Amino acid sequence: MLRIYPFIIETLRDVAPIVREIARHDVDLARQTRRAASSIALNTAEAYGCSGGNERMRFRSALGSAHEVRACLDVAEALGYVEPVEEKLRDAFDRIAATLYRLAT
């Protein structure tokens, strides 16, 4: 498995309490955040078993989902559902996105 995969799972564990807090205010936004977060791990794992264009497509999907989770966190903050998200967590999503970008190109 790719070295980034365990880091993705660790980051999802860190974001889970925030998603639960979002759900207290907005079930739909929490659901979308969970789906996007899951998609990062699932598409990364699927890409690992693919080759060529399919591999890049899965990594691109995972990358898009990483950006989507960041956007969901931004929206939750802007709407006052959660306290500002720690920079460490934002940096983790940036690291994931950077790695996925390299793998997708």
PDB file of N, CA and C in Angstrom:
ATOM      1  N   MET A   1       0.860  -1.183   0.000  1.00  0.00           N
ATOM      2  CA  MET A   1       0.000   0.000   0.000  1.00  0.00           C
ATOM      3  C   MET A   1       0.897   1.235   0.000  1.00  0.00           C
ATOM      4  N   LEU A   2       0.385   2.293  -0.513  1.00  0.00           N
ATOM      5  CA  LEU A   2       1.112   3.561  -0.564  1.00  0.00           C
ATOM      6  C   LEU A   2       1.355   4.110   0.843  1.00  0.00           C
ATOM      7  N   ARG A   3       2.464   4.794   1.010  1.00  0.00           N
ATOM      8  CA  ARG A   3       2.788   5.378   2.320  1.00  0.00           C
ATOM      9  C   ARG A   3       1.779   6.441   2.751  1.00  0.00           C
ATOM     10  N   ILE A   4       1.138   7.104   1.792  1.00  0.00           N
ATOM     11  CA  ILE A   4       0.185   8.158   2.152  1.00  0.00           C
ATOM     12  C   ILE A   4      -1.108   7.568   2.716  1.00  0.00           C
ATOM     13  N   TYR A   5      -1.408   6.320   2.399  1.00  0.00           N
ATOM     14  CA  TYR A   5      -2.689   5.739   2.816  1.00  0.00           C
ATOM     15  C   TYR A   5      -2.873   5.729   4.338  1.00  0.00           C
ATOM     16  N   PRO A   6      -1.920   5.238   5.132  1.00  0.00           N
ATOM     17  CA  PRO A   6      -2.112   5.284   6.592  1.00  0.00           C
ATOM     18  C   PRO A   6      -2.271   6.716   7.112  1.00  0.00           C
ATOM     19  N   PHE A   7      -1.594   7.663   6.475  1.00  0.00           N
ATOM     20  CA  PHE A   7      -1.729   9.069   6.863  1.00  0.00           C
ATOM     21  C   PHE A   7      -3.140   9.565   6.563  1.00  0.00           C
ATOM     22  N   ILE A   8      -3.706   9.145   5.440  1.00  0.00           N
ATOM     23  CA  ILE A   8      -5.081   9.516   5.105  1.00  0.00           C
ATOM     24  C   ILE A   8      -6.026   8.989   6.185  1.00  0.00           C
ATOM     25  N   ILE A   9      -5.876   7.735   6.559  1.00  0.00           N
ATOM     26  CA  ILE A   9      -6.747   7.137   7.577  1.00  0.00           C
ATOM     27  C   ILE A   9      -6.594   7.877   8.912  1.00  0.00           C
ATOM     28  N   GLU A  10      -5.386   8.197   9.286  1.00  0.00           N
ATOM     29  CA  GLU A  10      -5.144   8.956  10.526  1.00  0.00           C
ATOM     30  C   GLU A  10      -5.824  10.322  10.470  1.00  0.00           C
ATOM     31  N   THR A  11      -5.738  10.980   9.333  1.00  0.00           N
ATOM     32  CA  THR A  11      -6.352  12.298   9.167  1.00  0.00           C
ATOM     33  C   THR A  11      -7.877  12.192   9.239  1.00  0.00           C
ATOM     34  N   LEU A  12      -8.435  11.127   8.675  1.00  0.00           N
ATOM     35  CA  LEU A  12      -9.884  10.934   8.750  1.00  0.00           C
ATOM     36  C   LEU A  12     -10.323  10.723  10.193  1.00  0.00           C
ATOM     37  N   ARG A  13      -9.515  10.025  10.972  1.00  0.00           N
ATOM     38  CA  ARG A  13      -9.834   9.880  12.406  1.00  0.00           C
ATOM     39  C   ARG A  13      -9.854  11.242  13.094  1.00  0.00           C
ATOM     40  N   ASP A  14      -8.918  12.101  12.704  1.00  0.00           N
ATOM     41  CA  ASP A  14      -8.845  13.431  13.311  1.00  0.00           C
ATOM     42  C   ASP A  14     -10.020  14.320  12.918  1.00  0.00           C
ATOM     43  N   VAL A  15     -10.545  14.146  11.719  1.00  0.00           N
ATOM     44  CA  VAL A  15     -11.648  14.991  11.258  1.00  0.00           C
ATOM     45  C   VAL A  15     -13.005  14.469  11.723  1.00  0.00           C
ATOM     46  N   ALA A  16     -13.081  13.211  12.128  1.00  0.00           N
ATOM     47  CA  ALA A  16     -14.362  12.598  12.508  1.00  0.00           C
ATOM     48  C   ALA A  16     -15.118  13.371  13.592  1.00  0.00           C
ATOM     49  N   PRO A  17     -14.455  13.827  14.674  1.00  0.00           N
ATOM     50  CA  PRO A  17     -15.212  14.581  15.685  1.00  0.00           C
ATOM     51  C   PRO A  17     -15.792  15.893  15.142  1.00  0.00           C
ATOM     52  N   ILE A  18     -15.093  16.494  14.204  1.00  0.00           N
ATOM     53  CA  ILE A  18     -15.590  17.739  13.607  1.00  0.00           C
ATOM     54  C   ILE A  18     -16.828  17.438  12.765  1.00  0.00           C
ATOM     55  N   VAL A  19     -16.790  16.345  12.044  1.00  0.00           N
ATOM     56  CA  VAL A  19     -17.952  15.954  11.229  1.00  0.00           C
ATOM     57  C   VAL A  19     -19.159  15.690  12.133  1.00  0.00           C
ATOM     58  N   ARG A  20     -18.931  15.055  13.277  1.00  0.00           N
ATOM     59  CA  ARG A  20     -20.041  14.822  14.218  1.00  0.00           C
ATOM     60  C   ARG A  20     -20.603  16.151  14.726  1.00  0.00           C
ATOM     61  N   GLU A  21     -19.749  17.126  14.954  1.00  0.00           N
ATOM     62  CA  GLU A  21     -20.214  18.449  15.392  1.00  0.00           C
ATOM     63  C   GLU A  21     -20.998  19.133  14.276  1.00  0.00           C
ATOM     64  N   ILE A  22     -20.527  19.027  13.058  1.00  0.00           N
ATOM     65  CA  ILE A  22     -21.257  19.601  11.919  1.00  0.00           C
ATOM     66  C   ILE A  22     -22.653  18.988  11.846  1.00  0.00           C
ATOM     67  N   ALA A  23     -22.750  17.679  12.089  1.00  0.00           N
ATOM     68  CA  ALA A  23     -24.041  16.984  11.998  1.00  0.00           C
ATOM     69  C   ALA A  23     -25.055  17.516  12.994  1.00  0.00           C
ATOM     70  N   ARG A  24     -24.594  18.050  14.108  1.00  0.00           N
ATOM     71  CA  ARG A  24     -25.523  18.632  15.085  1.00  0.00           C
ATOM     72  C   ARG A  24     -26.249  19.849  14.518  1.00  0.00           C
ATOM     73  N   HIS A  25     -25.651  20.483  13.507  1.00  0.00           N
ATOM     74  CA  HIS A  25     -26.202  21.704  12.920  1.00  0.00           C
ATOM     75  C   HIS A  25     -26.751  21.494  11.506  1.00  0.00           C
ATOM     76  N   ASP A  26     -26.104  20.595  10.755  1.00  0.00           N
ATOM     77  CA  ASP A  26     -26.440  20.451   9.339  1.00  0.00           C
ATOM     78  C   ASP A  26     -26.120  19.014   8.895  1.00  0.00           C
ATOM     79  N   VAL A  27     -27.145  18.183   8.909  1.00  0.00           N
ATOM     80  CA  VAL A  27     -26.964  16.774   8.573  1.00  0.00           C
ATOM     81  C   VAL A  27     -26.455  16.603   7.145  1.00  0.00           C
ATOM     82  N   ASP A  28     -26.967  17.401   6.220  1.00  0.00           N
ATOM     83  CA  ASP A  28     -26.559  17.272   4.823  1.00  0.00           C
ATOM     84  C   ASP A  28     -25.082  17.608   4.629  1.00  0.00           C
ATOM     85  N   LEU A  29     -24.620  18.685   5.255  1.00  0.00           N
ATOM     86  CA  LEU A  29     -23.207  19.051   5.129  1.00  0.00           C
ATOM     87  C   LEU A  29     -22.325  17.980   5.769  1.00  0.00           C
ATOM     88  N   ALA A  30     -22.739  17.435   6.888  1.00  0.00           N
ATOM     89  CA  ALA A  30     -21.970  16.365   7.535  1.00  0.00           C
ATOM     90  C   ALA A  30     -21.908  15.135   6.631  1.00  0.00           C
ATOM     91  N   ARG A  31     -23.024  14.789   6.021  1.00  0.00           N
ATOM     92  CA  ARG A  31     -23.064  13.637   5.119  1.00  0.00           C
ATOM     93  C   ARG A  31     -22.123  13.854   3.931  1.00  0.00           C
ATOM     94  N   GLN A  32     -22.162  15.047   3.368  1.00  0.00           N
ATOM     95  CA  GLN A  32     -21.298  15.345   2.227  1.00  0.00           C
ATOM     96  C   GLN A  32     -19.826  15.297   2.640  1.00  0.00           C
ATOM     97  N   THR A  33     -19.524  15.802   3.824  1.00  0.00           N
ATOM     98  CA  THR A  33     -18.146  15.778   4.320  1.00  0.00           C
ATOM     99  C   THR A  33     -17.678  14.341   4.517  1.00  0.00           C
ATOM    100  N   ARG A  34     -18.532  13.507   5.116  1.00  0.00           N
ATOM    101  CA  ARG A  34     -18.181  12.089   5.322  1.00  0.00           C
ATOM    102  C   ARG A  34     -17.957  11.374   3.995  1.00  0.00           C
ATOM    103  N   ARG A  35     -18.832  11.625   3.025  1.00  0.00           N
ATOM    104  CA  ARG A  35     -18.676  10.968   1.719  1.00  0.00           C
ATOM    105  C   ARG A  35     -17.369  11.381   1.053  1.00  0.00           C
ATOM    106  N   ALA A  36     -17.075  12.669   1.093  1.00  0.00           N
ATOM    107  CA  ALA A  36     -15.837  13.151   0.472  1.00  0.00           C
ATOM    108  C   ALA A  36     -14.614  12.596   1.206  1.00  0.00           C
ATOM    109  N   ALA A  37     -14.671  12.574   2.525  1.00  0.00           N
ATOM    110  CA  ALA A  37     -13.543  12.059   3.303  1.00  0.00           C
ATOM    111  C   ALA A  37     -13.324  10.572   2.999  1.00  0.00           C
ATOM    112  N   SER A  38     -14.404   9.808   2.963  1.00  0.00           N
ATOM    113  CA  SER A  38     -14.287   8.386   2.628  1.00  0.00           C
ATOM    114  C   SER A  38     -13.728   8.195   1.233  1.00  0.00           C
ATOM    115  N   SER A  39     -14.142   9.052   0.325  1.00  0.00           N
ATOM    116  CA  SER A  39     -13.707   8.956  -1.066  1.00  0.00           C
ATOM    117  C   SER A  39     -12.195   9.131  -1.205  1.00  0.00           C
ATOM    118  N   ILE A  40     -11.598   9.927  -0.354  1.00  0.00           N
ATOM    119  CA  ILE A  40     -10.141  10.097  -0.416  1.00  0.00           C
ATOM    120  C   ILE A  40      -9.469   8.742  -0.230  1.00  0.00           C
ATOM    121  N   ALA A  41      -9.840   8.051   0.851  1.00  0.00           N
ATOM    122  CA  ALA A  41      -9.226   6.758   1.150  1.00  0.00           C
ATOM    123  C   ALA A  41      -9.599   5.703   0.117  1.00  0.00           C
ATOM    124  N   LEU A  42     -10.873   5.637  -0.237  1.00  0.00           N
ATOM    125  CA  LEU A  42     -11.328   4.578  -1.138  1.00  0.00           C
ATOM    126  C   LEU A  42     -10.739   4.718  -2.535  1.00  0.00           C
ATOM    127  N   ASN A  43     -10.716   5.932  -3.069  1.00  0.00           N
ATOM    128  CA  ASN A  43     -10.142   6.124  -4.400  1.00  0.00           C
ATOM    129  C   ASN A  43      -8.639   5.922  -4.401  1.00  0.00           C
ATOM    130  N   THR A  44      -7.972   6.305  -3.312  1.00  0.00           N
ATOM    131  CA  THR A  44      -6.527   6.066  -3.221  1.00  0.00           C
ATOM    132  C   THR A  44      -6.244   4.570  -3.219  1.00  0.00           C
ATOM    133  N   ALA A  45      -7.007   3.813  -2.440  1.00  0.00           N
ATOM    134  CA  ALA A  45      -6.826   2.365  -2.394  1.00  0.00           C
ATOM    135  C   ALA A  45      -7.123   1.733  -3.749  1.00  0.00           C
ATOM    136  N   GLU A  46      -8.174   2.205  -4.402  1.00  0.00           N
ATOM    137  CA  GLU A  46      -8.526   1.659  -5.710  1.00  0.00           C
ATOM    138  C   GLU A  46      -7.444   1.974  -6.739  1.00  0.00           C
ATOM    139  N   ALA A  47      -6.897   3.160  -6.687  1.00  0.00           N
ATOM    140  CA  ALA A  47      -5.839   3.542  -7.628  1.00  0.00           C
ATOM    141  C   ALA A  47      -4.618   2.652  -7.482  1.00  0.00           C
ATOM    142  N   TYR A  48      -4.338   2.236  -6.259  1.00  0.00           N
ATOM    143  CA  TYR A  48      -3.185   1.388  -6.004  1.00  0.00           C
ATOM    144  C   TYR A  48      -3.281   0.070  -6.785  1.00  0.00           C
ATOM    145  N   GLY A  49      -4.485  -0.380  -7.043  1.00  0.00           N
ATOM    146  CA  GLY A  49      -4.669  -1.624  -7.778  1.00  0.00           C
ATOM    147  C   GLY A  49      -4.868  -1.440  -9.267  1.00  0.00           C
ATOM    148  N   CYS A  50      -4.830  -0.211  -9.745  1.00  0.00           N
ATOM    149  CA  CYS A  50      -5.053   0.077 -11.171  1.00  0.00           C
ATOM    150  C   CYS A  50      -3.731   0.387 -11.854  1.00  0.00           C
ATOM    151  N   SER A  51      -3.820   0.619 -13.134  1.00  0.00           N
ATOM    152  CA  SER A  51      -2.626   1.041 -13.866  1.00  0.00           C
ATOM    153  C   SER A  51      -3.030   2.061 -14.926  1.00  0.00           C
ATOM    154  N   GLY A  52      -2.038   2.789 -15.396  1.00  0.00           N
ATOM    155  CA  GLY A  52      -2.241   3.738 -16.481  1.00  0.00           C
ATOM    156  C   GLY A  52      -3.258   4.821 -16.180  1.00  0.00           C
ATOM    157  N   GLY A  53      -4.141   5.053 -17.149  1.00  0.00           N
ATOM    158  CA  GLY A  53      -5.123   6.135 -17.043  1.00  0.00           C
ATOM    159  C   GLY A  53      -6.100   5.951 -15.902  1.00  0.00           C
ATOM    160  N   ASN A  54      -6.498   4.712 -15.618  1.00  0.00           N
ATOM    161  CA  ASN A  54      -7.425   4.479 -14.516  1.00  0.00           C
ATOM    162  C   ASN A  54      -6.796   4.853 -13.183  1.00  0.00           C
ATOM    163  N   GLU A  55      -5.528   4.561 -13.034  1.00  0.00           N
ATOM    164  CA  GLU A  55      -4.820   4.909 -11.806  1.00  0.00           C
ATOM    165  C   GLU A  55      -4.841   6.426 -11.595  1.00  0.00           C
ATOM    166  N   ARG A  56      -4.470   7.161 -12.616  1.00  0.00           N
ATOM    167  CA  ARG A  56      -4.455   8.629 -12.523  1.00  0.00           C
ATOM    168  C   ARG A  56      -5.852   9.180 -12.260  1.00  0.00           C
ATOM    169  N   MET A  57      -6.857   8.596 -12.893  1.00  0.00           N
ATOM    170  CA  MET A  57      -8.229   9.063 -12.701  1.00  0.00           C
ATOM    171  C   MET A  57      -8.658   8.882 -11.238  1.00  0.00           C
ATOM    172  N   ARG A  58      -8.326   7.764 -10.629  1.00  0.00           N
ATOM    173  CA  ARG A  58      -8.674   7.524  -9.218  1.00  0.00           C
ATOM    174  C   ARG A  58      -7.941   8.490  -8.300  1.00  0.00           C
ATOM    175  N   PHE A  59      -6.664   8.725  -8.586  1.00  0.00           N
ATOM    176  CA  PHE A  59      -5.919   9.686  -7.769  1.00  0.00           C
ATOM    177  C   PHE A  59      -6.503  11.094  -7.923  1.00  0.00           C
ATOM    178  N   ARG A  60      -6.936  11.434  -9.140  1.00  0.00           N
ATOM    179  CA  ARG A  60      -7.567  12.752  -9.349  1.00  0.00           C
ATOM    180  C   ARG A  60      -8.878  12.849  -8.581  1.00  0.00           C
ATOM    181  N   SER A  61      -9.646  11.766  -8.558  1.00  0.00           N
ATOM    182  CA  SER A  61     -10.898  11.762  -7.790  1.00  0.00           C
ATOM    183  C   SER A  61     -10.615  11.943  -6.305  1.00  0.00           C
ATOM    184  N   ALA A  62      -9.604  11.239  -5.813  1.00  0.00           N
ATOM    185  CA  ALA A  62      -9.226  11.375  -4.400  1.00  0.00           C
ATOM    186  C   ALA A  62      -8.772  12.795  -4.105  1.00  0.00           C
ATOM    187  N   LEU A  63      -8.027  13.389  -5.032  1.00  0.00           N
ATOM    188  CA  LEU A  63      -7.578  14.769  -4.868  1.00  0.00           C
ATOM    189  C   LEU A  63      -8.770  15.721  -4.795  1.00  0.00           C
ATOM    190  N   GLY A  64      -9.723  15.551  -5.698  1.00  0.00           N
ATOM    191  CA  GLY A  64     -10.920  16.393  -5.668  1.00  0.00           C
ATOM    192  C   GLY A  64     -11.674  16.253  -4.354  1.00  0.00           C
ATOM    193  N   SER A  65     -11.726  15.047  -3.838  1.00  0.00           N
ATOM    194  CA  SER A  65     -12.402  14.823  -2.560  1.00  0.00           C
ATOM    195  C   SER A  65     -11.655  15.485  -1.412  1.00  0.00           C
ATOM    196  N   ALA A  66     -10.337  15.493  -1.464  1.00  0.00           N
ATOM    197  CA  ALA A  66      -9.556  16.178  -0.423  1.00  0.00           C
ATOM    198  C   ALA A  66      -9.879  17.672  -0.425  1.00  0.00           C
ATOM    199  N   HIS A  67      -9.968  18.239  -1.617  1.00  0.00           N
ATOM    200  CA  HIS A  67     -10.339  19.659  -1.710  1.00  0.00           C
ATOM    201  C   HIS A  67     -11.768  19.883  -1.220  1.00  0.00           C
ATOM    202  N   GLU A  68     -12.640  18.934  -1.500  1.00  0.00           N
ATOM    203  CA  GLU A  68     -14.026  19.062  -1.075  1.00  0.00           C
ATOM    204  C   GLU A  68     -14.142  19.039   0.454  1.00  0.00           C
ATOM    205  N   VAL A  69     -13.390  18.165   1.110  1.00  0.00           N
ATOM    206  CA  VAL A  69     -13.419  18.137   2.577  1.00  0.00           C
ATOM    207  C   VAL A  69     -12.951  19.468   3.131  1.00  0.00           C
ATOM    208  N   ARG A  70     -11.878  20.016   2.564  1.00  0.00           N
ATOM    209  CA  ARG A  70     -11.402  21.335   3.012  1.00  0.00           C
ATOM    210  C   ARG A  70     -12.500  22.381   2.850  1.00  0.00           C
ATOM    211  N   ALA A  71     -13.205  22.344   1.727  1.00  0.00           N
ATOM    212  CA  ALA A  71     -14.284  23.304   1.491  1.00  0.00           C
ATOM    213  C   ALA A  71     -15.423  23.100   2.486  1.00  0.00           C
ATOM    214  N   CYS A  72     -15.755  21.855   2.784  1.00  0.00           N
ATOM    215  CA  CYS A  72     -16.809  21.577   3.773  1.00  0.00           C
ATOM    216  C   CYS A  72     -16.430  22.144   5.135  1.00  0.00           C
ATOM    217  N   LEU A  73     -15.177  21.990   5.516  1.00  0.00           N
ATOM    218  CA  LEU A  73     -14.722  22.550   6.794  1.00  0.00           C
ATOM    219  C   LEU A  73     -14.810  24.075   6.769  1.00  0.00           C
ATOM    220  N   ASP A  74     -14.444  24.673   5.641  1.00  0.00           N
ATOM    221  CA  ASP A  74     -14.551  26.138   5.501  1.00  0.00           C
ATOM    222  C   ASP A  74     -15.991  26.599   5.662  1.00  0.00           C
ATOM    223  N   VAL A  75     -16.909  25.888   5.018  1.00  0.00           N
ATOM    224  CA  VAL A  75     -18.330  26.248   5.088  1.00  0.00           C
ATOM    225  C   VAL A  75     -18.832  26.098   6.520  1.00  0.00           C
ATOM    226  N   ALA A  76     -18.475  25.001   7.167  1.00  0.00           N
ATOM    227  CA  ALA A  76     -18.916  24.769   8.547  1.00  0.00           C
ATOM    228  C   ALA A  76     -18.404  25.879   9.471  1.00  0.00           C
ATOM    229  N   GLU A  77     -17.185  26.302   9.261  1.00  0.00           N
ATOM    230  CA  GLU A  77     -16.642  27.426  10.049  1.00  0.00           C
ATOM    231  C   GLU A  77     -17.402  28.706   9.743  1.00  0.00           C
ATOM    232  N   ALA A  78     -17.582  28.992   8.463  1.00  0.00           N
ATOM    233  CA  ALA A  78     -18.230  30.240   8.050  1.00  0.00           C
ATOM    234  C   ALA A  78     -19.654  30.340   8.592  1.00  0.00           C
ATOM    235  N   LEU A  79     -20.327  29.209   8.684  1.00  0.00           N
ATOM    236  CA  LEU A  79     -21.710  29.207   9.173  1.00  0.00           C
ATOM    237  C   LEU A  79     -21.794  29.080  10.690  1.00  0.00           C
ATOM    238  N   GLY A  80     -20.651  29.002  11.346  1.00  0.00           N
ATOM    239  CA  GLY A  80     -20.617  28.953  12.801  1.00  0.00           C
ATOM    240  C   GLY A  80     -20.951  27.607  13.403  1.00  0.00           C
ATOM    241  N   TYR A  81     -20.855  26.548  12.606  1.00  0.00           N
ATOM    242  CA  TYR A  81     -21.147  25.209  13.116  1.00  0.00           C
ATOM    243  C   TYR A  81     -20.016  24.664  13.979  1.00  0.00           C
ATOM    244  N   VAL A  82     -18.794  25.056  13.653  1.00  0.00           N
ATOM    245  CA  VAL A  82     -17.616  24.558  14.368  1.00  0.00           C
ATOM    246  C   VAL A  82     -16.673  25.720  14.657  1.00  0.00           C
ATOM    247  N   GLU A  83     -15.844  25.512  15.651  1.00  0.00           N
ATOM    248  CA  GLU A  83     -14.765  26.458  15.937  1.00  0.00           C
ATOM    249  C   GLU A  83     -13.753  26.373  14.800  1.00  0.00           C
ATOM    250  N   PRO A  84     -12.888  27.369  14.667  1.00  0.00           N
ATOM    251  CA  PRO A  84     -11.870  27.286  13.608  1.00  0.00           C
ATOM    252  C   PRO A  84     -11.085  25.968  13.675  1.00  0.00           C
ATOM    253  N   VAL A  85     -10.924  25.365  12.523  1.00  0.00           N
ATOM    254  CA  VAL A  85     -10.221  24.085  12.421  1.00  0.00           C
ATOM    255  C   VAL A  85      -8.729  24.336  12.613  1.00  0.00           C
ATOM    256  N   GLU A  86      -8.107  23.471  13.395  1.00  0.00           N
ATOM    257  CA  GLU A  86      -6.678  23.618  13.681  1.00  0.00           C
ATOM    258  C   GLU A  86      -5.864  23.585  12.396  1.00  0.00           C
ATOM    259  N   GLU A  87      -4.824  24.398  12.367  1.00  0.00           N
ATOM    260  CA  GLU A  87      -3.950  24.443  11.195  1.00  0.00           C
ATOM    261  C   GLU A  87      -3.299  23.089  10.931  1.00  0.00           C
ATOM    262  N   LYS A  88      -3.029  22.347  11.999  1.00  0.00           N
ATOM    263  CA  LYS A  88      -2.418  21.023  11.831  1.00  0.00           C
ATOM    264  C   LYS A  88      -3.303  20.128  10.967  1.00  0.00           C
ATOM    265  N   LEU A  89      -4.610  20.187  11.170  1.00  0.00           N
ATOM    266  CA  LEU A  89      -5.521  19.375  10.369  1.00  0.00           C
ATOM    267  C   LEU A  89      -5.585  19.893   8.934  1.00  0.00           C
ATOM    268  N   ARG A  90      -5.628  21.198   8.778  1.00  0.00           N
ATOM    269  CA  ARG A  90      -5.612  21.772   7.425  1.00  0.00           C
ATOM    270  C   ARG A  90      -4.325  21.390   6.694  1.00  0.00           C
ATOM    271  N   ASP A  91      -3.204  21.437   7.425  1.00  0.00           N
ATOM    272  CA  ASP A  91      -1.919  21.050   6.826  1.00  0.00           C
ATOM    273  C   ASP A  91      -1.918  19.583   6.408  1.00  0.00           C
ATOM    274  N   ALA A  92      -2.592  18.741   7.195  1.00  0.00           N
ATOM    275  CA  ALA A  92      -2.672  17.320   6.844  1.00  0.00           C
ATOM    276  C   ALA A  92      -3.398  17.146   5.513  1.00  0.00           C
ATOM    277  N   PHE A  93      -4.497  17.869   5.324  1.00  0.00           N
ATOM    278  CA  PHE A  93      -5.205  17.774   4.045  1.00  0.00           C
ATOM    279  C   PHE A  93      -4.374  18.352   2.911  1.00  0.00           C
ATOM    280  N   ASP A  94      -3.585  19.381   3.188  1.00  0.00           N
ATOM    281  CA  ASP A  94      -2.683  19.919   2.162  1.00  0.00           C
ATOM    282  C   ASP A  94      -1.633  18.882   1.766  1.00  0.00           C
ATOM    283  N   ARG A  95      -1.096  18.166   2.759  1.00  0.00           N
ATOM    284  CA  ARG A  95      -0.102  17.121   2.470  1.00  0.00           C
ATOM    285  C   ARG A  95      -0.723  16.011   1.629  1.00  0.00           C
ATOM    286  N   ILE A  96      -1.928  15.606   1.994  1.00  0.00           N
ATOM    287  CA  ILE A  96      -2.621  14.579   1.225  1.00  0.00           C
ATOM    288  C   ILE A  96      -2.841  15.061  -0.206  1.00  0.00           C
ATOM    289  N   ALA A  97      -3.331  16.284  -0.356  1.00  0.00           N
ATOM    290  CA  ALA A  97      -3.604  16.825  -1.690  1.00  0.00           C
ATOM    291  C   ALA A  97      -2.327  16.915  -2.522  1.00  0.00           C
ATOM    292  N   ALA A  98      -1.243  17.353  -1.923  1.00  0.00           N
ATOM    293  CA  ALA A  98       0.016  17.472  -2.654  1.00  0.00           C
ATOM    294  C   ALA A  98       0.511  16.112  -3.127  1.00  0.00           C
ATOM    295  N   THR A  99       0.396  15.123  -2.268  1.00  0.00           N
ATOM    296  CA  THR A  99       0.824  13.774  -2.647  1.00  0.00           C
ATOM    297  C   THR A  99      -0.057  13.219  -3.759  1.00  0.00           C
ATOM    298  N   LEU A 100      -1.373  13.380  -3.617  1.00  0.00           N
ATOM    299  CA  LEU A 100      -2.284  12.887  -4.635  1.00  0.00           C
ATOM    300  C   LEU A 100      -2.069  13.592  -5.974  1.00  0.00           C
ATOM    301  N   TYR A 101      -1.757  14.870  -5.918  1.00  0.00           N
ATOM    302  CA  TYR A 101      -1.482  15.622  -7.151  1.00  0.00           C
ATOM    303  C   TYR A 101      -0.273  15.011  -7.871  1.00  0.00           C
ATOM    304  N   ARG A 102       0.780  14.738  -7.105  1.00  0.00           N
ATOM    305  CA  ARG A 102       1.973  14.139  -7.715  1.00  0.00           C
ATOM    306  C   ARG A 102       1.652  12.761  -8.303  1.00  0.00           C
ATOM    307  N   LEU A 103       0.838  11.999  -7.609  1.00  0.00           N
ATOM    308  CA  LEU A 103       0.491  10.666  -8.102  1.00  0.00           C
ATOM    309  C   LEU A 103      -0.431  10.726  -9.322  1.00  0.00           C
ATOM    310  N   ALA A 104      -1.207  11.787  -9.435  1.00  0.00           N
ATOM    311  CA  ALA A 104      -2.180  11.909 -10.536  1.00  0.00           C
ATOM    312  C   ALA A 104      -1.570  12.454 -11.812  1.00  0.00           C
ATOM    313  N   THR A 105      -0.370  12.998 -11.728  1.00  0.00           N
ATOM    314  CA  THR A 105       0.227  13.602 -12.931  1.00  0.00           C
ATOM    315  C   THR A 105       1.356  12.769 -13.494  1.00  0.00           C
TER     316      THR A 105
END
